[in-house]
Amino acid sequence: MKKSWSWIWLGIVLAGFTSATTEIHSLAAAPRQLAQATTARHEASDASETLKVLDSLLHDKEYPELERKFGTGAQLPSAERDYFAGVLANRKNRSRESAALLERTLPLLKDRQRIEACMEALADDYQKLFRYADQARVLADIQEHYEDQLDAAGRKSVEDDFQLAQLLKTAPAQTVNFDGSETLTIRRNRFGLAEVPVTIGERTEWWIFDTGASTTTITTSTAKRLGLELSKGTAKTQGATGTDIALRTAIIPQLSLGKAELRNVAALVLDDGSLAIPVGEDKPYQIEGIFGFPAMAAFDSITFFGDDKMVIGGETLAGSISFPMYLEENAPRILAKVGGRDLLFTLDSGAAISQFTEKYYKAFPDVFATGQKASFSFSGAGGSKETKVYTQKTVELGGDGGSVRLEGVAVMTEPTGNHDLDVHYGNLGQDLLRKGRNFTLDFQHMRLLTSPAK
């Protein structure tokens, strides 16, 4: 540091010999210039360290800590400040705000990793805003120029998303016509999953309400029964077990849940067999339709009461336990405190039970040091898979206002093959959601609310 200062001073003094006047002014200004230069170096160093911390928190999906660190008023370059603000807005379901910030900052970013992450978040915003052609354009740019920033799973995810956006790029935007609240009767299928009455034209069908479905999904038979036109091209999606599933798309002109009306709902169309769930030696259980994102997120809130009632809109229920909610690519993520740590889980109302991943197992190895593994089979779109797991007898999930206890949770010791699941601590299913008297998905304030059972 002293060597740097000596060169600064030498430069100032040498410049001062050009004239007596310049010498006087230069020497008088030297302490101030030195202080300014030193301050600038310190600020640049501080900003560089802060950016490293923020990058790490974003990569590790530590969103609450990222929000806290970002909100402390750290001095960041304007482009990076807009970048982190835009990504956080994306995760909190503020897509228009996010898109505006990311569009503004993208041309100004220099770091290739941030550029790629910015583009992925922007493409996600465009999908949520039903700007499919813009989504396809951004994803194509990632594939052409920034694939080196992605691992194999990331490249595959971008490729799959691009293919789907290509199929939908001329589709009209989804719209919603609804005000107030609407109460609907629901039912439970043999797996305990909620099914909601969906009216299309003159037909009413019962579809699974599935927060784990990033897009509303139907079978080929359902599409034909409803008279929907299928896309000529095909794309792929990843099933629950990590296998690839071929798909086409269709646009549902009008879909109603009671008085709540949605228009131009994009749907994935899978072969019937891809939605046939194996049930031991019995005949597979055929799912006909899944009501997923972004259709459900069109409403401010959705509340389920027990096994027979759903309310769209309505008032927040007093005395609820609240869990922060984030969105990643049209899928909700729930933050819960376990063992004094904030952990991020996927939320899948289309899963009968919760299951924790290898990431959770590695975070709490002492819990399983004396346990024994057992066989465990899980099923979903694309088939079933068997693995070895530990069973944790009880897990307390802490939220604001209380906690919810899960019993007999399967904890995997190896990757499932589903990248979206493996990068989180686990998946929360109906065994969590049915613990209380009711639960609410609050998309306006981004939280999951559950009322404790009496």
Protein backbone atom coordinates (compact mmCIF):
# COMPACT_ATOMS: atom_id res chain seq x y z
CA MET A 1 0.00 0.00 0.00
CA LYS A 2 2.86 2.41 0.82
CA LYS A 3 4.38 1.79 -2.59
CA SER A 4 1.11 2.76 -4.27
CA TRP A 5 0.94 5.96 -2.28
CA SER A 6 4.54 6.91 -3.16
CA TRP A 7 3.79 6.65 -6.87
CA ILE A 8 0.65 8.75 -6.45
CA TRP A 9 2.59 11.44 -4.62
CA LEU A 10 5.45 11.32 -7.14
CA GLY A 11 3.01 11.86 -9.99
CA ILE A 12 1.45 14.84 -8.26
CA VAL A 13 4.79 16.44 -7.43
CA LEU A 14 6.26 15.97 -10.90
CA ALA A 15 3.16 17.45 -12.46
CA GLY A 16 3.56 20.46 -10.17
CA PHE A 17 6.87 21.53 -11.78
CA THR A 18 5.12 22.67 -14.97
CA SER A 19 4.38 26.06 -13.44
CA ALA A 20 4.39 27.74 -10.08
CA THR A 21 0.62 28.18 -10.14
CA THR A 22 -0.03 24.57 -11.09
CA GLU A 23 2.42 23.44 -8.40
CA ILE A 24 0.60 25.34 -5.69
CA HIS A 25 -2.82 24.10 -6.76
CA SER A 26 -1.62 20.52 -7.22
CA LEU A 27 0.07 20.35 -3.83
CA ALA A 28 -2.93 21.90 -2.13
CA ALA A 29 -5.25 19.42 -3.81
CA ALA A 30 -3.03 16.40 -3.22
CA PRO A 31 -4.37 15.34 0.20
CA ARG A 32 -7.93 15.60 -1.05
CA GLN A 33 -7.14 13.63 -4.22
CA LEU A 34 -5.33 11.00 -2.19
CA ALA A 35 -8.28 10.62 0.16
CA GLN A 36 -10.69 10.36 -2.78
CA ALA A 37 -8.54 7.75 -4.51
CA THR A 38 -8.18 5.73 -1.30
CA THR A 39 -11.93 5.89 -0.66
CA ALA A 40 -12.66 4.81 -4.24
CA ARG A 41 -10.34 1.81 -3.89
CA HIS A 42 -11.94 0.81 -0.61
CA GLU A 43 -15.44 1.15 -2.05
CA ALA A 44 -14.49 -0.91 -5.12
CA SER A 45 -12.98 -3.58 -2.89
CA ASP A 46 -16.06 -3.60 -0.63
CA ALA A 47 -18.37 -3.84 -3.65
CA SER A 48 -16.34 -6.72 -5.09
CA GLU A 49 -16.54 -8.67 -1.84
CA THR A 50 -20.26 -7.94 -1.50
CA LEU A 51 -20.90 -9.18 -5.04
CA LYS A 52 -19.09 -12.45 -4.27
CA VAL A 53 -21.29 -12.96 -1.21
CA LEU A 54 -24.48 -12.14 -3.11
CA ASP A 55 -23.50 -14.43 -6.01
CA SER A 56 -22.90 -17.27 -3.57
CA LEU A 57 -26.21 -16.74 -1.76
CA LEU A 58 -28.11 -16.72 -5.05
CA HIS A 59 -26.36 -19.86 -6.28
CA ASP A 60 -27.17 -21.66 -3.01
CA LYS A 61 -30.80 -20.44 -3.06
CA GLU A 62 -30.38 -18.70 0.29
CA TYR A 63 -33.07 -16.17 -0.60
CA PRO A 64 -33.84 -14.68 2.87
CA GLU A 65 -30.16 -14.03 3.55
CA LEU A 66 -29.77 -12.66 0.00
CA GLU A 67 -32.65 -10.26 0.64
CA ARG A 68 -31.12 -9.19 3.95
CA LYS A 69 -27.60 -8.67 2.57
CA PHE A 70 -28.90 -6.87 -0.50
CA GLY A 71 -31.13 -4.62 1.61
CA THR A 72 -28.35 -3.42 3.92
CA GLY A 73 -27.53 -0.56 1.55
CA ALA A 74 -24.27 -1.99 0.25
CA GLN A 75 -22.63 0.20 -2.39
CA LEU A 76 -22.97 -1.72 -5.65
CA PRO A 77 -22.57 -0.65 -9.27
CA SER A 78 -25.98 0.28 -10.68
CA ALA A 79 -26.02 -2.62 -13.17
CA GLU A 80 -25.38 -5.21 -10.45
CA ARG A 81 -27.89 -3.56 -8.12
CA ASP A 82 -30.59 -3.81 -10.79
CA TYR A 83 -29.53 -7.40 -11.49
CA PHE A 84 -30.00 -8.63 -7.93
CA ALA A 85 -33.16 -6.55 -7.47
CA GLY A 86 -34.56 -8.06 -10.67
CA VAL A 87 -33.75 -11.65 -9.73
CA LEU A 88 -35.30 -11.20 -6.27
CA ALA A 89 -38.43 -9.70 -7.85
CA ASN A 90 -38.57 -12.74 -10.13
CA ARG A 91 -38.46 -15.11 -7.14
CA LYS A 92 -41.20 -13.11 -5.38
CA ASN A 93 -43.62 -13.35 -8.32
CA ARG A 94 -43.29 -9.69 -9.37
CA SER A 95 -42.69 -10.53 -13.02
CA ARG A 96 -43.33 -7.14 -14.62
CA GLU A 97 -41.03 -5.37 -12.18
CA SER A 98 -38.40 -8.05 -12.62
CA ALA A 99 -38.54 -7.96 -16.42
CA ALA A 100 -38.15 -4.17 -16.48
CA LEU A 101 -35.10 -4.29 -14.22
CA LEU A 102 -33.43 -7.18 -16.03
CA GLU A 103 -34.07 -5.76 -19.50
CA ARG A 104 -32.41 -2.53 -18.39
CA THR A 105 -29.37 -4.11 -16.77
CA LEU A 106 -28.65 -7.01 -19.16
CA PRO A 107 -26.68 -4.93 -21.74
CA LEU A 108 -24.57 -3.44 -18.91
CA LEU A 109 -23.45 -6.62 -17.16
CA LYS A 110 -19.87 -7.82 -17.73
CA ASP A 111 -19.65 -11.03 -15.71
CA ARG A 112 -20.66 -14.01 -17.88
CA GLN A 113 -22.17 -15.97 -15.01
CA ARG A 114 -24.42 -13.05 -14.04
CA ILE A 115 -25.36 -12.47 -17.68
CA GLU A 116 -26.50 -16.10 -18.03
CA ALA A 117 -28.42 -16.04 -14.72
CA CYS A 118 -30.00 -12.72 -15.70
CA MET A 119 -31.14 -14.18 -19.00
CA GLU A 120 -32.62 -17.27 -17.35
CA ALA A 121 -34.61 -15.12 -14.91
CA LEU A 122 -35.74 -12.85 -17.75
CA ALA A 123 -36.87 -15.83 -19.82
CA ASP A 124 -38.83 -17.04 -16.78
CA ASP A 125 -40.45 -13.60 -16.46
CA TYR A 126 -41.46 -13.71 -20.12
CA GLN A 127 -43.06 -17.13 -19.62
CA LYS A 128 -45.06 -15.85 -16.62
CA LEU A 129 -46.12 -12.84 -18.69
CA PHE A 130 -47.06 -15.17 -21.60
CA ARG A 131 -44.49 -13.52 -23.89
CA TYR A 132 -43.44 -16.89 -25.29
CA ALA A 133 -41.68 -15.53 -28.39
CA ASP A 134 -39.48 -13.30 -26.21
CA GLN A 135 -38.82 -16.27 -23.92
CA ALA A 136 -37.71 -18.39 -26.89
CA ARG A 137 -35.42 -15.59 -28.15
CA VAL A 138 -33.62 -15.26 -24.80
CA LEU A 139 -33.25 -19.03 -24.34
CA ALA A 140 -31.80 -19.34 -27.85
CA ASP A 141 -29.26 -16.66 -26.95
CA ILE A 142 -28.25 -18.61 -23.84
CA GLN A 143 -27.78 -21.77 -25.90
CA GLU A 144 -25.69 -19.99 -28.49
CA HIS A 145 -23.46 -17.85 -26.28
CA TYR A 146 -23.60 -18.91 -22.61
CA GLU A 147 -23.95 -22.68 -22.41
CA ASP A 148 -20.45 -22.82 -20.90
CA GLN A 149 -21.93 -21.33 -17.72
CA LEU A 150 -24.31 -24.28 -17.28
CA ASP A 151 -23.84 -27.83 -16.08
CA ALA A 152 -25.41 -30.75 -17.96
CA ALA A 153 -28.71 -30.49 -16.07
CA GLY A 154 -28.86 -26.74 -16.68
CA ARG A 155 -28.25 -27.15 -20.42
CA LYS A 156 -30.98 -29.75 -20.64
CA SER A 157 -33.41 -27.53 -18.73
CA VAL A 158 -32.75 -24.60 -21.08
CA GLU A 159 -33.13 -26.84 -24.14
CA ASP A 160 -36.46 -28.26 -22.89
CA ASP A 161 -37.76 -24.79 -22.03
CA PHE A 162 -36.72 -23.50 -25.44
CA GLN A 163 -38.54 -26.29 -27.26
CA LEU A 164 -41.71 -25.59 -25.28
CA ALA A 165 -41.48 -21.83 -25.86
CA GLN A 166 -41.10 -22.49 -29.58
CA LEU A 167 -44.37 -24.44 -29.57
CA LEU A 168 -46.16 -21.62 -27.73
CA LYS A 169 -44.57 -18.55 -29.32
CA THR A 170 -47.71 -17.60 -31.28
CA ALA A 171 -50.12 -18.42 -28.43
CA PRO A 172 -52.27 -15.58 -27.06
CA ALA A 173 -51.68 -14.41 -23.50
CA GLN A 174 -53.66 -15.99 -20.69
CA THR A 175 -56.21 -13.65 -19.09
CA VAL A 176 -58.42 -13.91 -16.01
CA ASN A 177 -61.94 -12.64 -15.44
CA PHE A 178 -62.68 -12.78 -11.73
CA ASP A 179 -63.42 -10.48 -8.83
CA GLY A 180 -64.27 -11.25 -5.23
CA SER A 181 -64.29 -14.83 -3.96
CA GLU A 182 -65.66 -18.18 -5.09
CA THR A 183 -66.31 -21.34 -3.08
CA LEU A 184 -66.07 -24.72 -4.80
CA THR A 185 -66.67 -28.30 -3.71
CA ILE A 186 -63.61 -30.49 -4.17
CA ARG A 187 -62.94 -34.19 -3.75
CA ARG A 188 -60.01 -36.49 -2.93
CA ASN A 189 -58.81 -39.32 -5.15
CA ARG A 190 -57.50 -42.68 -3.97
CA PHE A 191 -54.12 -41.14 -3.15
CA GLY A 192 -55.65 -38.36 -1.06
CA LEU A 193 -54.86 -35.71 -3.69
CA ALA A 194 -57.27 -32.80 -4.15
CA GLU A 195 -59.26 -32.75 -7.39
CA VAL A 196 -61.05 -29.59 -8.50
CA PRO A 197 -64.01 -29.20 -10.89
CA VAL A 198 -62.83 -27.64 -14.16
CA THR A 199 -65.44 -26.58 -16.69
CA ILE A 200 -64.48 -26.33 -20.38
CA GLY A 201 -67.32 -25.69 -22.81
CA GLU A 202 -70.22 -27.93 -21.79
CA ARG A 203 -68.04 -30.41 -19.90
CA THR A 204 -66.93 -30.44 -16.26
CA GLU A 205 -63.94 -32.60 -15.42
CA TRP A 206 -62.10 -33.36 -12.18
CA TRP A 207 -58.42 -32.45 -12.39
CA ILE A 208 -55.71 -32.81 -9.76
CA PHE A 209 -54.72 -29.50 -8.15
CA ASP A 210 -50.94 -29.73 -8.41
CA THR A 211 -48.52 -27.01 -7.28
CA GLY A 212 -45.72 -29.25 -8.56
CA ALA A 213 -46.91 -28.91 -12.17
CA SER A 214 -45.23 -25.92 -13.81
CA THR A 215 -47.89 -25.99 -16.54
CA THR A 216 -51.45 -27.29 -16.69
CA THR A 217 -51.25 -30.81 -18.14
CA ILE A 218 -53.78 -33.15 -19.78
CA THR A 219 -53.76 -36.49 -21.56
CA THR A 220 -54.18 -36.97 -25.30
CA SER A 221 -57.58 -38.55 -24.65
CA THR A 222 -58.69 -35.51 -22.63
CA ALA A 223 -57.55 -33.14 -25.39
CA LYS A 224 -59.54 -35.11 -27.97
CA ARG A 225 -62.58 -35.28 -25.70
CA LEU A 226 -62.49 -31.49 -25.29
CA GLY A 227 -61.95 -30.89 -29.01
CA LEU A 228 -58.60 -29.12 -28.57
CA GLU A 229 -56.15 -28.61 -31.41
CA LEU A 230 -52.71 -30.07 -30.73
CA SER A 231 -49.42 -28.53 -31.78
CA LYS A 232 -47.78 -30.12 -34.80
CA GLY A 233 -44.36 -30.05 -33.20
CA THR A 234 -43.24 -31.81 -30.03
CA ALA A 235 -41.06 -31.01 -27.03
CA LYS A 236 -39.88 -32.83 -23.90
CA THR A 237 -40.35 -32.45 -20.18
CA GLN A 238 -38.85 -34.25 -17.19
CA GLY A 239 -41.04 -36.57 -15.16
CA ALA A 240 -41.01 -37.14 -11.40
CA THR A 241 -38.36 -39.84 -11.72
CA GLY A 242 -36.10 -37.84 -14.04
CA THR A 243 -37.16 -39.58 -17.26
CA ASP A 244 -37.90 -37.62 -20.43
CA ILE A 245 -41.53 -37.42 -21.54
CA ALA A 246 -42.61 -36.35 -25.02
CA LEU A 247 -45.35 -33.73 -25.23
CA ARG A 248 -47.43 -31.55 -27.48
CA THR A 249 -49.27 -28.39 -26.51
CA ALA A 250 -52.81 -27.09 -26.74
CA ILE A 251 -54.50 -23.80 -25.90
CA ILE A 252 -57.71 -24.09 -23.87
CA PRO A 253 -59.87 -21.15 -25.06
CA GLN A 254 -61.84 -20.89 -21.82
CA LEU A 255 -61.56 -22.71 -18.49
CA SER A 256 -63.74 -22.00 -15.47
CA LEU A 257 -63.57 -22.81 -11.78
CA GLY A 258 -67.07 -21.78 -10.75
CA LYS A 259 -67.34 -18.06 -11.53
CA ALA A 260 -63.58 -17.68 -11.95
CA GLU A 261 -62.82 -17.67 -15.67
CA LEU A 262 -59.47 -18.12 -17.40
CA ARG A 263 -58.92 -17.68 -21.13
CA ASN A 264 -56.13 -18.99 -23.37
CA VAL A 265 -54.72 -21.47 -20.87
CA ALA A 266 -51.62 -23.20 -22.24
CA ALA A 267 -51.59 -26.95 -21.55
CA LEU A 268 -49.06 -29.70 -22.03
CA VAL A 269 -50.54 -32.77 -23.71
CA LEU A 270 -48.97 -36.11 -22.78
CA ASP A 271 -49.71 -39.64 -23.95
CA ASP A 272 -52.19 -41.30 -21.61
CA GLY A 273 -49.54 -43.74 -20.44
CA SER A 274 -47.30 -40.95 -19.16
CA LEU A 275 -50.02 -39.98 -16.66
CA ALA A 276 -50.89 -43.55 -15.69
CA ILE A 277 -49.54 -44.05 -12.17
CA PRO A 278 -48.41 -47.61 -11.26
CA VAL A 279 -50.30 -49.04 -8.27
CA GLY A 280 -48.63 -52.31 -7.36
CA GLU A 281 -50.21 -55.18 -9.24
CA ASP A 282 -53.45 -53.28 -9.80
CA LYS A 283 -54.38 -51.50 -12.99
CA PRO A 284 -52.50 -48.15 -13.22
CA TYR A 285 -54.39 -45.12 -11.97
CA GLN A 286 -55.16 -42.86 -14.93
CA ILE A 287 -54.84 -39.11 -14.39
CA GLU A 288 -56.88 -37.18 -16.97
CA GLY A 289 -55.85 -33.63 -16.15
CA ILE A 290 -53.68 -31.56 -13.82
CA PHE A 291 -54.49 -27.95 -12.90
CA GLY A 292 -51.07 -26.33 -12.48
CA PHE A 293 -49.13 -23.13 -12.99
CA PRO A 294 -49.48 -20.47 -14.19
CA ALA A 295 -53.26 -20.96 -14.13
CA MET A 296 -53.53 -21.17 -10.34
CA ALA A 297 -51.23 -18.17 -9.83
CA ALA A 298 -53.73 -16.03 -11.76
CA PHE A 299 -55.65 -15.73 -8.48
CA ASP A 300 -54.44 -13.76 -5.45
CA SER A 301 -55.04 -16.67 -3.10
CA ILE A 302 -56.51 -20.17 -2.93
CA THR A 303 -57.58 -21.78 0.36
CA PHE A 304 -58.43 -25.43 0.97
CA PHE A 305 -60.69 -26.41 3.87
CA GLY A 306 -60.36 -30.08 4.78
CA ASP A 307 -61.32 -32.56 2.08
CA ASP A 308 -64.37 -30.93 0.60
CA LYS A 309 -64.04 -27.16 0.02
CA MET A 310 -61.82 -24.68 -1.83
CA VAL A 311 -62.13 -20.88 -1.76
CA ILE A 312 -60.59 -18.67 -4.46
CA GLY A 313 -59.89 -15.23 -3.03
CA GLY A 314 -61.33 -14.54 0.39
CA GLU A 315 -59.87 -13.20 3.63
CA THR A 316 -56.64 -14.29 5.30
CA LEU A 317 -57.42 -16.58 8.21
CA ALA A 318 -56.33 -15.43 11.66
CA GLY A 319 -53.99 -17.58 13.75
CA SER A 320 -52.22 -19.17 10.79
CA ILE A 321 -48.63 -20.36 10.69
CA SER A 322 -46.87 -18.59 7.83
CA PHE A 323 -44.04 -19.89 5.63
CA PRO A 324 -42.28 -17.62 3.09
CA MET A 325 -42.87 -18.70 -0.51
CA TYR A 326 -40.71 -18.13 -3.59
CA LEU A 327 -41.20 -19.04 -7.23
CA GLU A 328 -38.62 -20.74 -9.42
CA GLU A 329 -39.73 -21.33 -13.00
CA ASN A 330 -43.46 -21.51 -12.20
CA ALA A 331 -43.00 -23.75 -9.18
CA PRO A 332 -43.42 -22.69 -5.52
CA ARG A 333 -40.60 -23.06 -3.00
CA ILE A 334 -41.28 -23.00 0.73
CA LEU A 335 -38.83 -21.82 3.37
CA ALA A 336 -38.99 -23.62 6.72
CA LYS A 337 -36.69 -23.68 9.72
CA VAL A 338 -35.33 -27.13 10.62
CA GLY A 339 -32.70 -27.70 13.30
CA GLY A 340 -32.09 -23.95 13.53
CA ARG A 341 -31.43 -23.63 9.80
CA ASP A 342 -33.52 -22.06 7.03
CA LEU A 343 -34.13 -24.75 4.39
CA LEU A 344 -35.78 -24.39 0.99
CA PHE A 345 -38.20 -27.11 -0.12
CA THR A 346 -40.30 -27.66 -3.21
CA LEU A 347 -44.07 -27.74 -2.60
CA ASP A 348 -46.07 -30.34 -4.48
CA SER A 349 -49.77 -30.67 -3.64
CA GLY A 350 -49.79 -33.49 -6.19
CA ALA A 351 -47.56 -35.61 -3.92
CA ALA A 352 -49.27 -37.71 -1.25
CA ILE A 353 -46.29 -37.61 1.14
CA SER A 354 -43.22 -35.48 1.75
CA GLN A 355 -39.78 -36.82 0.99
CA PHE A 356 -36.40 -35.29 1.73
CA THR A 357 -33.40 -35.40 -0.59
CA GLU A 358 -29.75 -36.33 -0.41
CA LYS A 359 -29.03 -32.63 0.23
CA TYR A 360 -30.98 -32.86 3.51
CA TYR A 361 -29.24 -36.11 4.42
CA LYS A 362 -25.84 -34.48 3.97
CA ALA A 363 -26.91 -31.44 6.02
CA PHE A 364 -27.82 -33.57 9.06
CA PRO A 365 -25.61 -36.70 8.92
CA ASP A 366 -25.64 -37.22 12.70
CA VAL A 367 -29.40 -37.77 12.66
CA PHE A 368 -28.94 -40.93 10.59
CA ALA A 369 -25.66 -42.22 12.02
CA THR A 370 -27.31 -45.20 13.74
CA GLY A 371 -30.28 -45.72 11.43
CA GLN A 372 -30.95 -48.45 8.92
CA LYS A 373 -31.97 -48.00 5.31
CA ALA A 374 -35.14 -49.43 3.85
CA SER A 375 -36.54 -49.72 0.32
CA PHE A 376 -38.69 -46.85 -0.86
CA SER A 377 -40.64 -46.45 -4.10
CA PHE A 378 -41.97 -43.17 -5.49
CA SER A 379 -44.14 -42.63 -8.55
CA GLY A 380 -45.25 -39.80 -10.77
CA ALA A 381 -45.52 -38.74 -14.39
CA GLY A 382 -43.09 -40.92 -16.28
CA GLY A 383 -43.26 -44.01 -14.06
CA SER A 384 -41.84 -45.12 -10.72
CA LYS A 385 -38.43 -45.55 -9.12
CA GLU A 386 -37.13 -47.53 -6.16
CA THR A 387 -34.29 -46.45 -3.90
CA LYS A 388 -32.94 -46.88 -0.36
CA VAL A 389 -33.86 -44.34 2.30
CA TYR A 390 -33.65 -43.57 5.99
CA THR A 391 -36.83 -42.69 7.86
CA GLN A 392 -36.82 -39.71 10.20
CA LYS A 393 -39.48 -40.29 12.84
CA THR A 394 -40.40 -36.63 13.36
CA VAL A 395 -39.41 -33.35 11.73
CA GLU A 396 -40.48 -29.93 12.99
CA LEU A 397 -40.96 -27.36 10.21
CA GLY A 398 -40.79 -23.93 11.79
CA GLY A 399 -42.63 -20.92 10.40
CA ASP A 400 -43.80 -17.53 11.59
CA GLY A 401 -46.30 -18.18 14.38
CA GLY A 402 -45.55 -21.83 15.08
CA SER A 403 -44.41 -25.09 13.57
CA VAL A 404 -45.82 -28.16 11.85
CA ARG A 405 -44.66 -31.67 12.69
CA LEU A 406 -44.19 -34.34 10.03
CA GLU A 407 -43.90 -38.01 10.96
CA GLY A 408 -42.08 -40.84 9.20
CA VAL A 409 -40.35 -38.80 6.51
CA ALA A 410 -38.33 -40.73 3.90
CA VAL A 411 -34.82 -39.26 3.54
CA MET A 412 -32.89 -40.23 0.41
CA THR A 413 -29.16 -40.85 0.41
CA GLU A 414 -28.60 -40.52 -3.34
CA PRO A 415 -29.89 -38.22 -6.10
CA THR A 416 -33.38 -38.91 -7.43
CA GLY A 417 -32.38 -38.05 -11.00
CA ASN A 418 -34.78 -35.09 -10.99
CA HIS A 419 -32.46 -32.08 -10.91
CA ASP A 420 -35.19 -29.67 -9.81
CA LEU A 421 -35.83 -31.78 -6.71
CA ASP A 422 -32.22 -32.72 -5.96
CA VAL A 423 -31.02 -29.11 -5.59
CA HIS A 424 -33.53 -28.55 -2.75
CA TYR A 425 -33.76 -30.13 0.70
CA GLY A 426 -36.87 -32.08 -0.16
CA ASN A 427 -40.43 -31.97 -1.39
CA LEU A 428 -43.40 -31.12 0.85
CA GLY A 429 -46.62 -32.91 0.00
CA GLN A 430 -50.14 -33.47 1.22
CA ASP A 431 -49.03 -34.82 4.61
CA LEU A 432 -47.94 -31.24 5.41
CA LEU A 433 -50.90 -29.51 3.77
CA ARG A 434 -53.49 -31.70 5.51
CA LYS A 435 -51.96 -31.27 8.95
CA GLY A 436 -54.02 -28.19 9.68
CA ARG A 437 -57.68 -27.33 9.40
CA ASN A 438 -56.92 -25.45 6.18
CA PHE A 439 -54.08 -24.09 4.10
CA THR A 440 -53.73 -21.06 1.83
CA LEU A 441 -51.49 -20.38 -1.14
CA ASP A 442 -51.13 -16.59 -1.01
CA PHE A 443 -49.65 -15.52 -4.34
CA GLN A 444 -50.07 -11.83 -3.59
CA HIS A 445 -47.91 -11.81 -0.45
CA MET A 446 -45.96 -14.96 -1.39
CA ARG A 447 -46.56 -17.17 1.61
CA LEU A 448 -48.04 -20.52 2.54
CA LEU A 449 -50.46 -20.30 5.47
CA THR A 450 -51.75 -23.21 7.49
CA SER A 451 -54.09 -23.19 10.48
CA PRO A 452 -53.16 -25.66 13.25
CA ALA A 453 -55.62 -28.46 13.88
CA LYS A 454 -57.75 -28.01 16.98
